[in-house]
């Protein structure tokens, strides 16, 4: 089985191009944009960068222990989903999640956990924060996850 992924799904399909000032060319009445030589990607200020969602990860046999933290939405759950998919591909069958330091979560976090369960793998929620408990209580699949994860 090939567990490596090609770069085609990682690289963006279109690269934003920044424009220099538009000015009219001599002898012509229309302005044409001049392209810069290198694409300019918007920079995220250090103050707006959120800490990584995955605080720690440890494998013990076929069990994977993961601690998550911070705000987990559809975008920030992507590294967690990718890590869980990779762990499943390498034969891990049990996931223990410590979500006690999660301050906000939406269905992106729930989808990552459900994707783990879809393969018939075991999920245990070792610790949950108030935000995680609210999410689990608000959705039918979340209530099912909470009930199943408490079984020995």
Protein backbone atom coordinates (compact mmCIF):
# COMPACT_ATOMS: atom_id res chain seq x y z
CA UNK A 1 0.00 0.00 0.00
CA UNK A 2 1.32 3.41 -0.93
CA UNK A 3 1.08 5.72 2.10
CA UNK A 4 2.83 8.66 0.53
CA UNK A 5 0.80 11.46 -0.94
CA UNK A 6 1.78 13.41 -4.00
CA UNK A 7 2.11 17.17 -3.82
CA UNK A 8 -0.76 17.78 -6.22
CA UNK A 9 -3.33 17.94 -3.42
CA UNK A 10 -1.16 20.14 -1.21
CA UNK A 11 -0.09 22.90 -3.59
CA UNK A 12 -2.60 25.59 -4.52
CA UNK A 13 -3.98 25.40 -8.04
CA UNK A 14 -3.73 29.13 -8.55
CA UNK A 15 -1.09 31.44 -7.14
CA UNK A 16 -2.23 34.96 -6.34
CA UNK A 17 -0.32 37.58 -8.28
CA UNK A 18 0.19 41.02 -6.83
CA UNK A 19 -0.10 44.04 -9.10
CA UNK A 20 2.14 47.04 -9.09
CA UNK A 21 0.58 50.35 -9.80
CA UNK A 22 -1.52 50.57 -12.93
CA UNK A 23 -0.48 53.44 -15.11
CA UNK A 24 -1.13 54.44 -18.65
CA UNK A 25 1.55 53.47 -21.12
CA UNK A 26 2.95 56.28 -23.27
CA UNK A 27 0.88 56.87 -26.39
CA UNK A 28 -2.03 54.72 -25.15
CA UNK A 29 -5.06 55.73 -23.23
CA UNK A 30 -5.56 52.52 -21.25
CA UNK A 31 -3.77 51.43 -18.14
CA UNK A 32 -2.21 47.96 -18.03
CA UNK A 33 -1.18 46.22 -14.84
CA UNK A 34 2.46 45.40 -14.35
CA UNK A 35 3.06 42.05 -12.69
CA UNK A 36 5.60 41.72 -9.94
CA UNK A 37 8.24 39.04 -10.40
CA UNK A 38 7.36 37.07 -7.29
CA UNK A 39 3.89 36.26 -5.99
CA UNK A 40 3.01 38.11 -2.78
CA UNK A 41 1.13 36.03 -0.23
CA UNK A 42 -0.62 37.84 2.60
CA UNK A 43 1.30 37.58 5.84
CA UNK A 44 -0.49 36.66 9.03
CA UNK A 45 0.63 38.85 11.91
CA UNK A 46 2.22 36.96 14.79
CA UNK A 47 -0.50 38.23 17.11
CA UNK A 48 -3.21 36.57 15.00
CA UNK A 49 -1.59 33.17 14.63
CA UNK A 50 -3.29 30.59 16.81
CA UNK A 51 -1.32 27.90 18.62
CA UNK A 52 -1.30 24.44 17.06
CA UNK A 53 -4.39 22.37 17.73
CA UNK A 54 -2.42 19.22 18.52
CA UNK A 55 -0.68 19.81 21.85
CA UNK A 56 0.88 16.34 22.09
CA UNK A 57 0.72 12.96 20.44
CA UNK A 58 2.12 9.64 21.64
CA UNK A 59 1.80 6.14 20.21
CA UNK A 60 1.79 3.06 22.43
CA UNK A 61 1.39 -0.08 20.37
CA UNK A 62 -1.83 0.31 18.40
CA UNK A 63 -3.10 3.05 20.74
CA UNK A 64 -2.65 6.71 19.84
CA UNK A 65 -2.90 9.26 22.66
CA UNK A 66 -3.61 12.82 21.50
CA UNK A 67 -4.06 16.02 23.50
CA UNK A 68 -5.78 18.87 21.65
CA UNK A 69 -6.05 22.53 22.65
CA UNK A 70 -7.35 25.93 21.66
CA UNK A 71 -10.02 26.71 19.09
CA UNK A 72 -10.88 23.87 16.71
CA UNK A 73 -12.97 24.74 13.66
CA UNK A 74 -13.11 23.36 10.12
CA UNK A 75 -9.80 24.97 9.16
CA UNK A 76 -7.80 24.26 12.28
CA UNK A 77 -9.09 20.65 12.43
CA UNK A 78 -7.37 19.83 9.11
CA UNK A 79 -3.97 18.90 10.68
CA UNK A 80 -5.77 16.73 13.24
CA UNK A 81 -7.77 14.97 10.51
CA UNK A 82 -4.62 14.39 8.45
CA UNK A 83 -2.75 13.00 11.44
CA UNK A 84 -5.62 10.66 12.32
CA UNK A 85 -5.87 9.43 8.72
CA UNK A 86 -2.13 8.77 8.71
CA UNK A 87 -2.31 6.94 12.04
CA UNK A 88 -5.17 4.79 10.75
CA UNK A 89 -3.17 3.93 7.63
CA UNK A 90 -0.27 2.80 9.83
CA UNK A 91 -2.47 0.42 11.80
CA UNK A 92 -3.50 2.31 14.92
CA UNK A 93 -6.90 1.05 16.07
CA UNK A 94 -7.51 2.96 19.30
CA UNK A 95 -7.55 6.71 19.93
CA UNK A 96 -7.49 8.34 23.37
CA UNK A 97 -8.29 12.07 23.20
CA UNK A 98 -7.62 14.60 25.94
CA UNK A 99 -9.76 17.62 24.98
CA UNK A 100 -9.67 19.35 28.36
CA UNK A 101 -7.84 22.43 26.95
CA UNK A 102 -10.21 23.06 24.03
CA UNK A 103 -11.77 26.53 24.35
CA UNK A 104 -14.00 26.37 21.24
CA UNK A 105 -14.94 23.63 18.80
CA UNK A 106 -17.44 23.16 16.00
CA UNK A 107 -18.44 20.37 13.67
CA UNK A 108 -14.92 20.28 12.17
CA UNK A 109 -13.65 18.65 15.38
CA UNK A 110 -16.64 16.33 15.49
CA UNK A 111 -16.06 15.31 11.86
CA UNK A 112 -12.43 14.43 12.61
CA UNK A 113 -13.52 12.16 15.46
CA UNK A 114 -16.31 10.60 13.40
CA UNK A 115 -13.90 9.89 10.53
CA UNK A 116 -11.77 7.93 13.00
CA UNK A 117 -14.82 5.93 14.13
CA UNK A 118 -15.98 5.21 10.55
CA UNK A 119 -13.17 2.73 10.07
CA UNK A 120 -14.39 0.63 13.00
CA UNK A 121 -11.68 2.02 15.24
CA UNK A 122 -12.15 2.68 18.96
CA UNK A 123 -12.37 6.21 20.36
CA UNK A 124 -12.03 7.19 24.01
CA UNK A 125 -12.61 10.76 25.18
CA UNK A 126 -10.45 10.80 28.30
CA UNK A 127 -11.14 14.41 29.28
CA UNK A 128 -13.40 17.06 27.79
CA UNK A 129 -13.85 20.78 28.29
CA UNK A 130 -17.18 22.58 28.56
CA UNK A 131 -16.96 23.53 24.85
CA UNK A 132 -16.54 19.90 23.80
CA UNK A 133 -19.37 18.77 26.07
CA UNK A 134 -21.65 21.43 24.52
CA UNK A 135 -20.79 20.21 21.03
CA UNK A 136 -21.38 16.58 21.93
CA UNK A 137 -24.69 17.39 23.60
CA UNK A 138 -25.89 19.49 20.66
CA UNK A 139 -25.53 16.82 17.97
CA UNK A 140 -26.98 13.34 17.72
CA UNK A 141 -23.70 11.84 16.52
CA UNK A 142 -21.92 13.67 19.35
CA UNK A 143 -24.20 12.09 21.94
CA UNK A 144 -23.51 8.69 20.37
CA UNK A 145 -19.75 9.36 20.48
CA UNK A 146 -19.93 10.41 24.12
CA UNK A 147 -21.93 7.34 25.09
CA UNK A 148 -19.65 4.91 23.20
CA UNK A 149 -16.43 6.49 24.44
CA UNK A 150 -17.42 5.96 28.05
CA UNK A 151 -17.83 2.19 27.63
CA UNK A 152 -14.82 0.13 28.80
